Amino acid sequence: MPIKTFRGLLGDDAQERIRLETLDGKTGYRIKKFQIITEQPMAGTSAEHVVKVYSIQQTAIDGVVNFSEQTLLGVAAINNDLTGYRYGMIDTIIFDGVTFNQDIFVTHKDVVGNTTPCNYYLELEQIRLDDVEATAVILKNFRNTNTT
């Protein structure tokens, strides 16, 4: 299947919409790769980035990770702590079994209170959905939108 890539630089407390919607809803996607790197990886600024991918727009941006959130599609965290404690620690978790066919949203929070931007790179695998699969994915997205 084809791979679509997206990349960007998000400021602190920022959210970016990735437009994926189609008229018929028969094109689905799954996250295959999700990576982040701070804007200034070797600079003299401490930063602890949490970048998350959601299936719906977020009303508040935070650094809290809760796997019970049904709209969370993936999360990446990196520690650029200059004190040496866990410097360079990177964790990425993708819920790769989740198929979606609507827009997704990438959020960023620098949890140490600095305002250091963070880059993200996202690879999505394109999947052709039949009528039943497309309807199921749309209904799931609709349900998640109306329960949060």
N, C-alpha and C. Protein backbone atom coordinates (compact mmCIF):
# COMPACT_ATOMS: atom_id res chain seq x y z
N MET A 1 0.82 -1.18 0.00
CA MET A 1 0.00 0.00 0.00
C MET A 1 0.87 1.25 0.00
N PRO A 2 0.37 2.33 -0.58
CA PRO A 2 1.15 3.59 -0.59
C PRO A 2 1.33 4.15 0.82
N ILE A 3 2.43 4.88 0.98
CA ILE A 3 2.74 5.55 2.24
C ILE A 3 2.67 7.06 2.00
N LYS A 4 1.95 7.77 2.88
CA LYS A 4 1.91 9.23 2.84
C LYS A 4 2.71 9.73 4.03
N THR A 5 3.52 10.76 3.81
CA THR A 5 4.35 11.30 4.89
C THR A 5 3.95 12.73 5.21
N PHE A 6 4.10 13.07 6.46
CA PHE A 6 3.81 14.42 6.94
C PHE A 6 4.90 14.80 7.92
N ARG A 7 5.24 16.07 7.93
CA ARG A 7 6.24 16.55 8.88
C ARG A 7 5.93 18.00 9.20
N GLY A 8 6.41 18.42 10.35
CA GLY A 8 6.17 19.79 10.74
C GLY A 8 6.91 20.14 12.02
N LEU A 9 6.88 21.43 12.34
CA LEU A 9 7.47 21.96 13.55
C LEU A 9 6.34 22.57 14.37
N LEU A 10 6.16 22.07 15.59
CA LEU A 10 5.10 22.55 16.46
C LEU A 10 5.69 23.33 17.63
N GLY A 11 5.14 24.51 17.87
CA GLY A 11 5.51 25.26 19.06
C GLY A 11 4.89 24.63 20.28
N ASP A 12 5.24 25.15 21.45
CA ASP A 12 4.67 24.64 22.69
C ASP A 12 3.18 24.94 22.73
N ASP A 13 2.39 24.00 23.24
CA ASP A 13 0.93 24.12 23.31
C ASP A 13 0.28 24.26 21.94
N ALA A 14 0.90 23.68 20.93
CA ALA A 14 0.40 23.80 19.55
C ALA A 14 -0.31 22.53 19.12
N GLN A 15 -1.17 22.71 18.11
CA GLN A 15 -1.91 21.59 17.52
C GLN A 15 -1.96 21.81 16.01
N GLU A 16 -1.75 20.74 15.27
CA GLU A 16 -1.80 20.84 13.81
C GLU A 16 -2.76 19.79 13.27
N ARG A 17 -3.59 20.20 12.33
CA ARG A 17 -4.54 19.30 11.67
C ARG A 17 -3.88 18.72 10.42
N ILE A 18 -4.00 17.41 10.27
CA ILE A 18 -3.55 16.74 9.05
C ILE A 18 -4.81 16.31 8.31
N ARG A 19 -5.02 16.89 7.17
CA ARG A 19 -6.26 16.67 6.42
C ARG A 19 -6.18 15.36 5.63
N LEU A 20 -7.11 14.46 5.96
CA LEU A 20 -7.15 13.14 5.33
C LEU A 20 -8.53 12.80 4.77
N GLU A 21 -9.53 13.56 5.10
CA GLU A 21 -10.90 13.23 4.70
C GLU A 21 -11.03 13.13 3.19
N THR A 22 -11.84 12.19 2.75
CA THR A 22 -12.18 12.05 1.34
C THR A 22 -13.70 12.07 1.23
N LEU A 23 -14.20 12.30 0.04
CA LEU A 23 -15.65 12.38 -0.15
C LEU A 23 -16.36 11.06 0.14
N ASP A 24 -15.76 9.95 -0.28
CA ASP A 24 -16.43 8.66 -0.09
C ASP A 24 -16.01 7.92 1.18
N GLY A 25 -14.95 8.37 1.85
CA GLY A 25 -14.51 7.74 3.09
C GLY A 25 -13.89 6.36 2.91
N LYS A 26 -13.57 5.99 1.67
CA LYS A 26 -13.06 4.63 1.41
C LYS A 26 -11.54 4.53 1.43
N THR A 27 -10.87 5.61 1.83
CA THR A 27 -9.43 5.56 1.99
C THR A 27 -9.14 5.63 3.48
N GLY A 28 -8.57 4.56 4.00
CA GLY A 28 -8.21 4.50 5.41
C GLY A 28 -6.71 4.64 5.58
N TYR A 29 -6.30 4.87 6.81
CA TYR A 29 -4.89 5.05 7.13
C TYR A 29 -4.56 4.36 8.44
N ARG A 30 -3.29 3.96 8.55
CA ARG A 30 -2.72 3.46 9.80
C ARG A 30 -1.35 4.12 9.96
N ILE A 31 -1.00 4.45 11.20
CA ILE A 31 0.32 5.02 11.45
C ILE A 31 1.36 3.91 11.36
N LYS A 32 2.37 4.12 10.54
CA LYS A 32 3.46 3.15 10.41
C LYS A 32 4.73 3.63 11.11
N LYS A 33 4.96 4.94 11.12
CA LYS A 33 6.14 5.49 11.76
C LYS A 33 5.79 6.85 12.34
N PHE A 34 6.32 7.12 13.53
CA PHE A 34 6.10 8.39 14.21
C PHE A 34 7.37 8.72 14.96
N GLN A 35 8.03 9.81 14.56
CA GLN A 35 9.28 10.20 15.18
C GLN A 35 9.26 11.69 15.53
N ILE A 36 10.00 12.05 16.57
CA ILE A 36 10.12 13.46 16.93
C ILE A 36 11.58 13.78 17.24
N ILE A 37 11.92 15.07 17.09
CA ILE A 37 13.23 15.58 17.50
C ILE A 37 13.04 17.06 17.80
N THR A 38 13.67 17.50 18.88
CA THR A 38 13.57 18.89 19.27
C THR A 38 14.17 19.78 18.18
N GLU A 39 13.74 21.03 18.14
CA GLU A 39 14.24 21.95 17.11
C GLU A 39 15.74 22.20 17.25
N GLN A 40 16.24 22.21 18.48
CA GLN A 40 17.67 22.45 18.73
C GLN A 40 18.22 21.33 19.60
N PRO A 41 18.49 20.15 18.99
CA PRO A 41 18.87 18.98 19.79
C PRO A 41 20.15 19.13 20.60
N MET A 42 21.07 19.94 20.16
CA MET A 42 22.34 20.07 20.88
C MET A 42 22.49 21.44 21.54
N ALA A 43 21.43 22.20 21.57
CA ALA A 43 21.48 23.55 22.15
C ALA A 43 21.44 23.48 23.67
N GLY A 44 21.71 24.59 24.30
CA GLY A 44 21.77 24.67 25.76
C GLY A 44 20.43 24.92 26.41
N THR A 45 19.37 24.30 25.91
CA THR A 45 18.04 24.49 26.48
C THR A 45 17.46 23.15 26.89
N SER A 46 17.00 23.06 28.13
CA SER A 46 16.31 21.85 28.57
C SER A 46 14.90 21.84 28.00
N ALA A 47 14.45 20.67 27.61
CA ALA A 47 13.09 20.51 27.10
C ALA A 47 12.67 19.06 27.30
N GLU A 48 11.42 18.88 27.60
CA GLU A 48 10.83 17.55 27.70
C GLU A 48 9.55 17.57 26.87
N HIS A 49 9.64 17.02 25.68
CA HIS A 49 8.56 17.10 24.71
C HIS A 49 7.64 15.89 24.78
N VAL A 50 6.35 16.15 24.70
CA VAL A 50 5.34 15.11 24.54
C VAL A 50 4.53 15.50 23.31
N VAL A 51 4.60 14.64 22.28
CA VAL A 51 3.87 14.88 21.04
C VAL A 51 2.89 13.73 20.87
N LYS A 52 1.62 14.07 20.66
CA LYS A 52 0.57 13.05 20.57
C LYS A 52 -0.21 13.21 19.27
N VAL A 53 -0.72 12.07 18.78
CA VAL A 53 -1.58 12.06 17.59
C VAL A 53 -2.97 11.60 18.03
N TYR A 54 -3.97 12.38 17.65
CA TYR A 54 -5.36 12.10 18.02
C TYR A 54 -6.24 12.00 16.78
N SER A 55 -7.35 11.30 16.94
CA SER A 55 -8.33 11.20 15.86
C SER A 55 -9.33 12.34 15.89
N ILE A 56 -9.31 13.15 16.95
CA ILE A 56 -10.20 14.32 17.02
C ILE A 56 -9.40 15.52 17.53
N GLN A 57 -9.91 16.70 17.23
CA GLN A 57 -9.26 17.93 17.68
C GLN A 57 -9.33 18.03 19.20
N GLN A 58 -8.23 18.50 19.79
CA GLN A 58 -8.14 18.63 21.24
C GLN A 58 -8.49 20.05 21.69
N THR A 59 -9.22 20.16 22.76
CA THR A 59 -9.57 21.48 23.30
C THR A 59 -8.50 21.99 24.24
N ALA A 60 -7.68 21.12 24.79
CA ALA A 60 -6.57 21.50 25.66
C ALA A 60 -5.36 20.64 25.32
N ILE A 61 -4.20 21.26 25.28
CA ILE A 61 -2.96 20.56 24.97
C ILE A 61 -2.23 20.32 26.29
N ASP A 62 -1.83 19.06 26.53
CA ASP A 62 -1.12 18.74 27.77
C ASP A 62 -0.08 17.67 27.52
N GLY A 63 0.70 17.38 28.54
CA GLY A 63 1.73 16.35 28.45
C GLY A 63 1.35 15.06 29.13
N VAL A 64 0.07 14.90 29.44
CA VAL A 64 -0.44 13.71 30.12
C VAL A 64 -0.71 12.62 29.08
N VAL A 65 -0.25 11.41 29.37
CA VAL A 65 -0.48 10.28 28.46
C VAL A 65 -1.41 9.30 29.15
N ASN A 66 -2.55 9.05 28.54
CA ASN A 66 -3.55 8.15 29.10
C ASN A 66 -4.01 7.19 28.01
N PHE A 67 -3.57 5.94 28.09
CA PHE A 67 -3.90 4.96 27.05
C PHE A 67 -5.39 4.60 27.03
N SER A 68 -6.14 5.03 28.01
CA SER A 68 -7.59 4.80 28.00
C SER A 68 -8.32 5.75 27.07
N GLU A 69 -7.65 6.80 26.62
CA GLU A 69 -8.27 7.73 25.67
C GLU A 69 -8.45 7.01 24.34
N GLN A 70 -9.68 6.80 23.94
CA GLN A 70 -9.97 6.05 22.72
C GLN A 70 -9.58 6.81 21.46
N THR A 71 -9.38 8.12 21.55
CA THR A 71 -9.03 8.93 20.38
C THR A 71 -7.52 9.10 20.22
N LEU A 72 -6.72 8.58 21.16
CA LEU A 72 -5.27 8.66 21.09
C LEU A 72 -4.76 7.59 20.12
N LEU A 73 -4.01 8.03 19.10
CA LEU A 73 -3.49 7.11 18.09
C LEU A 73 -2.01 6.80 18.27
N GLY A 74 -1.29 7.70 18.92
CA GLY A 74 0.14 7.50 19.13
C GLY A 74 0.71 8.60 19.99
N VAL A 75 1.85 8.32 20.59
CA VAL A 75 2.52 9.31 21.44
C VAL A 75 4.03 9.11 21.33
N ALA A 76 4.75 10.23 21.38
CA ALA A 76 6.21 10.19 21.41
C ALA A 76 6.68 11.20 22.46
N ALA A 77 7.72 10.83 23.19
CA ALA A 77 8.28 11.72 24.20
C ALA A 77 9.79 11.70 24.09
N ILE A 78 10.39 12.87 24.28
CA ILE A 78 11.85 12.98 24.26
C ILE A 78 12.28 13.89 25.39
N ASN A 79 13.37 13.52 26.05
CA ASN A 79 13.90 14.29 27.15
C ASN A 79 15.22 14.91 26.71
N ASN A 80 15.27 16.23 26.69
CA ASN A 80 16.47 16.97 26.35
C ASN A 80 16.97 17.70 27.61
N ASP A 81 16.95 16.99 28.73
CA ASP A 81 17.31 17.55 30.04
C ASP A 81 18.82 17.73 30.12
N LEU A 82 19.25 18.96 30.28
CA LEU A 82 20.69 19.26 30.28
C LEU A 82 21.40 18.86 31.56
N THR A 83 20.66 18.46 32.59
CA THR A 83 21.32 18.02 33.82
C THR A 83 21.90 16.62 33.67
N GLY A 84 21.59 15.97 32.55
CA GLY A 84 22.12 14.64 32.29
C GLY A 84 21.20 13.52 32.70
N TYR A 85 20.15 13.85 33.42
CA TYR A 85 19.20 12.82 33.85
C TYR A 85 18.38 12.36 32.66
N ARG A 86 18.61 11.14 32.21
CA ARG A 86 17.87 10.54 31.09
C ARG A 86 17.97 11.39 29.82
N TYR A 87 19.10 12.06 29.60
CA TYR A 87 19.27 12.89 28.42
C TYR A 87 19.10 12.04 27.16
N GLY A 88 18.34 12.53 26.25
CA GLY A 88 18.16 11.87 24.98
C GLY A 88 17.18 10.71 24.99
N MET A 89 16.52 10.45 26.12
CA MET A 89 15.55 9.37 26.21
C MET A 89 14.40 9.64 25.24
N ILE A 90 14.10 8.64 24.41
CA ILE A 90 13.00 8.77 23.45
C ILE A 90 12.10 7.54 23.59
N ASP A 91 10.83 7.77 23.72
CA ASP A 91 9.83 6.70 23.71
C ASP A 91 8.80 7.03 22.65
N THR A 92 8.42 6.04 21.86
CA THR A 92 7.37 6.21 20.87
C THR A 92 6.46 5.00 20.94
N ILE A 93 5.17 5.25 21.00
CA ILE A 93 4.18 4.17 21.01
C ILE A 93 3.13 4.50 19.98
N ILE A 94 2.88 3.55 19.11
CA ILE A 94 1.86 3.71 18.05
C ILE A 94 0.84 2.60 18.22
N PHE A 95 -0.42 2.98 18.18
CA PHE A 95 -1.48 1.98 18.20
C PHE A 95 -1.75 1.61 16.75
N ASP A 96 -0.94 0.69 16.21
CA ASP A 96 -0.95 0.41 14.77
C ASP A 96 -2.13 -0.40 14.29
N GLY A 97 -2.91 -0.92 15.19
CA GLY A 97 -4.10 -1.66 14.76
C GLY A 97 -5.28 -0.75 14.48
N VAL A 98 -5.12 0.55 14.70
CA VAL A 98 -6.23 1.49 14.54
C VAL A 98 -6.25 2.03 13.12
N THR A 99 -7.39 1.89 12.46
CA THR A 99 -7.59 2.43 11.11
C THR A 99 -8.50 3.64 11.23
N PHE A 100 -8.16 4.70 10.52
CA PHE A 100 -8.98 5.92 10.53
C PHE A 100 -9.07 6.46 9.12
N ASN A 101 -10.13 7.24 8.84
CA ASN A 101 -10.31 7.83 7.52
C ASN A 101 -10.73 9.29 7.60
N GLN A 102 -10.54 9.89 8.76
CA GLN A 102 -10.85 11.30 8.96
C GLN A 102 -9.55 12.05 9.28
N ASP A 103 -9.65 13.37 9.37
CA ASP A 103 -8.49 14.17 9.74
C ASP A 103 -7.95 13.72 11.10
N ILE A 104 -6.64 13.87 11.27
CA ILE A 104 -6.02 13.59 12.56
C ILE A 104 -5.34 14.87 13.05
N PHE A 105 -4.98 14.88 14.34
CA PHE A 105 -4.43 16.07 14.96
C PHE A 105 -3.18 15.72 15.75
N VAL A 106 -2.13 16.52 15.55
CA VAL A 106 -0.86 16.32 16.25
C VAL A 106 -0.71 17.46 17.25
N THR A 107 -0.43 17.12 18.52
CA THR A 107 -0.26 18.13 19.56
C THR A 107 1.14 18.06 20.14
N HIS A 108 1.59 19.19 20.71
CA HIS A 108 2.91 19.24 21.33
C HIS A 108 2.86 20.03 22.63
N LYS A 109 3.51 19.49 23.65
CA LYS A 109 3.65 20.17 24.93
C LYS A 109 5.08 19.98 25.42
N ASP A 110 5.75 21.08 25.77
CA ASP A 110 7.05 21.03 26.43
C ASP A 110 6.75 21.08 27.92
N VAL A 111 6.83 19.95 28.59
CA VAL A 111 6.32 19.83 29.95
C VAL A 111 7.19 20.47 31.03
N VAL A 112 8.41 20.91 30.70
CA VAL A 112 9.23 21.58 31.71
C VAL A 112 8.97 23.08 31.75
N GLY A 113 8.04 23.55 30.95
CA GLY A 113 7.66 24.95 31.00
C GLY A 113 8.42 25.85 30.04
N ASN A 114 9.38 25.30 29.34
CA ASN A 114 10.04 26.09 28.30
C ASN A 114 9.14 26.13 27.08
N THR A 115 9.51 26.87 26.10
CA THR A 115 8.68 26.97 24.90
C THR A 115 9.45 26.50 23.67
N THR A 116 10.26 25.48 23.86
CA THR A 116 11.07 24.95 22.78
C THR A 116 10.20 24.18 21.78
N PRO A 117 10.25 24.54 20.49
CA PRO A 117 9.47 23.79 19.48
C PRO A 117 10.02 22.38 19.28
N CYS A 118 9.19 21.54 18.68
CA CYS A 118 9.57 20.16 18.42
C CYS A 118 9.10 19.76 17.02
N ASN A 119 9.96 19.04 16.30
CA ASN A 119 9.63 18.52 14.97
C ASN A 119 8.96 17.16 15.11
N TYR A 120 8.10 16.85 14.15
CA TYR A 120 7.52 15.51 14.08
C TYR A 120 7.59 15.02 12.64
N TYR A 121 7.65 13.71 12.50
CA TYR A 121 7.62 13.03 11.20
C TYR A 121 6.65 11.87 11.33
N LEU A 122 5.72 11.79 10.41
CA LEU A 122 4.65 10.80 10.48
C LEU A 122 4.52 10.10 9.13
N GLU A 123 4.52 8.77 9.15
CA GLU A 123 4.24 7.98 7.95
C GLU A 123 2.93 7.25 8.15
N LEU A 124 2.03 7.42 7.19
CA LEU A 124 0.73 6.76 7.23
C LEU A 124 0.62 5.80 6.06
N GLU A 125 0.21 4.57 6.35
CA GLU A 125 -0.05 3.58 5.31
C GLU A 125 -1.49 3.78 4.83
N GLN A 126 -1.63 3.92 3.52
CA GLN A 126 -2.96 4.09 2.93
C GLN A 126 -3.59 2.72 2.71
N ILE A 127 -4.87 2.59 3.09
CA ILE A 127 -5.58 1.32 2.98
C ILE A 127 -6.91 1.57 2.28
N ARG A 128 -7.20 0.75 1.30
CA ARG A 128 -8.49 0.85 0.62
C ARG A 128 -9.55 0.14 1.45
N LEU A 129 -10.64 0.84 1.77
CA LEU A 129 -11.71 0.29 2.59
C LEU A 129 -12.92 -0.03 1.71
N ASP A 130 -13.60 -1.15 2.01
CA ASP A 130 -14.85 -1.41 1.32
C ASP A 130 -15.97 -0.63 2.02
N ASP A 131 -17.19 -0.73 1.52
CA ASP A 131 -18.30 0.06 2.07
C ASP A 131 -18.53 -0.21 3.55
N VAL A 132 -18.49 -1.47 3.95
CA VAL A 132 -18.74 -1.82 5.35
C VAL A 132 -17.64 -1.28 6.25
N GLU A 133 -16.37 -1.46 5.86
CA GLU A 133 -15.25 -0.97 6.66
C GLU A 133 -15.29 0.55 6.78
N ALA A 134 -15.57 1.24 5.67
CA ALA A 134 -15.63 2.71 5.68
C ALA A 134 -16.73 3.19 6.62
N THR A 135 -17.87 2.56 6.57
CA THR A 135 -18.99 2.94 7.45
C THR A 135 -18.62 2.70 8.91
N ALA A 136 -17.99 1.57 9.21
CA ALA A 136 -17.60 1.26 10.59
C ALA A 136 -16.60 2.28 11.13
N VAL A 137 -15.62 2.67 10.32
CA VAL A 137 -14.61 3.63 10.76
C VAL A 137 -15.26 5.01 10.97
N ILE A 138 -16.15 5.40 10.07
CA ILE A 138 -16.84 6.69 10.22
C ILE A 138 -17.70 6.70 11.47
N LEU A 139 -18.44 5.62 11.71
CA LEU A 139 -19.29 5.56 12.90
C LEU A 139 -18.46 5.58 14.19
N LYS A 140 -17.31 4.89 14.20
CA LYS A 140 -16.45 4.90 15.37
C LYS A 140 -15.94 6.31 15.63
N ASN A 141 -15.51 7.00 14.57
CA ASN A 141 -15.03 8.38 14.72
C ASN A 141 -16.15 9.29 15.21
N PHE A 142 -17.35 9.11 14.70
CA PHE A 142 -18.50 9.91 15.12
C PHE A 142 -18.81 9.67 16.59
N ARG A 143 -18.77 8.41 17.01
CA ARG A 143 -19.02 8.07 18.41
C ARG A 143 -17.99 8.70 19.33
N ASN A 144 -16.69 8.62 18.95
CA ASN A 144 -15.63 9.21 19.76
C ASN A 144 -15.74 10.73 19.82
N THR A 145 -16.17 11.36 18.75
CA THR A 145 -16.32 12.80 18.71
C THR A 145 -17.42 13.26 19.65
N ASN A 146 -18.46 12.47 19.78
CA ASN A 146 -19.61 12.88 20.56
C ASN A 146 -19.58 12.40 22.00
N THR A 147 -18.54 11.66 22.40
CA THR A 147 -18.47 11.20 23.78
C THR A 147 -17.35 11.87 24.56
N THR A 148 -16.61 12.78 23.95
CA THR A 148 -15.51 13.45 24.66
C THR A 148 -15.87 14.88 24.94
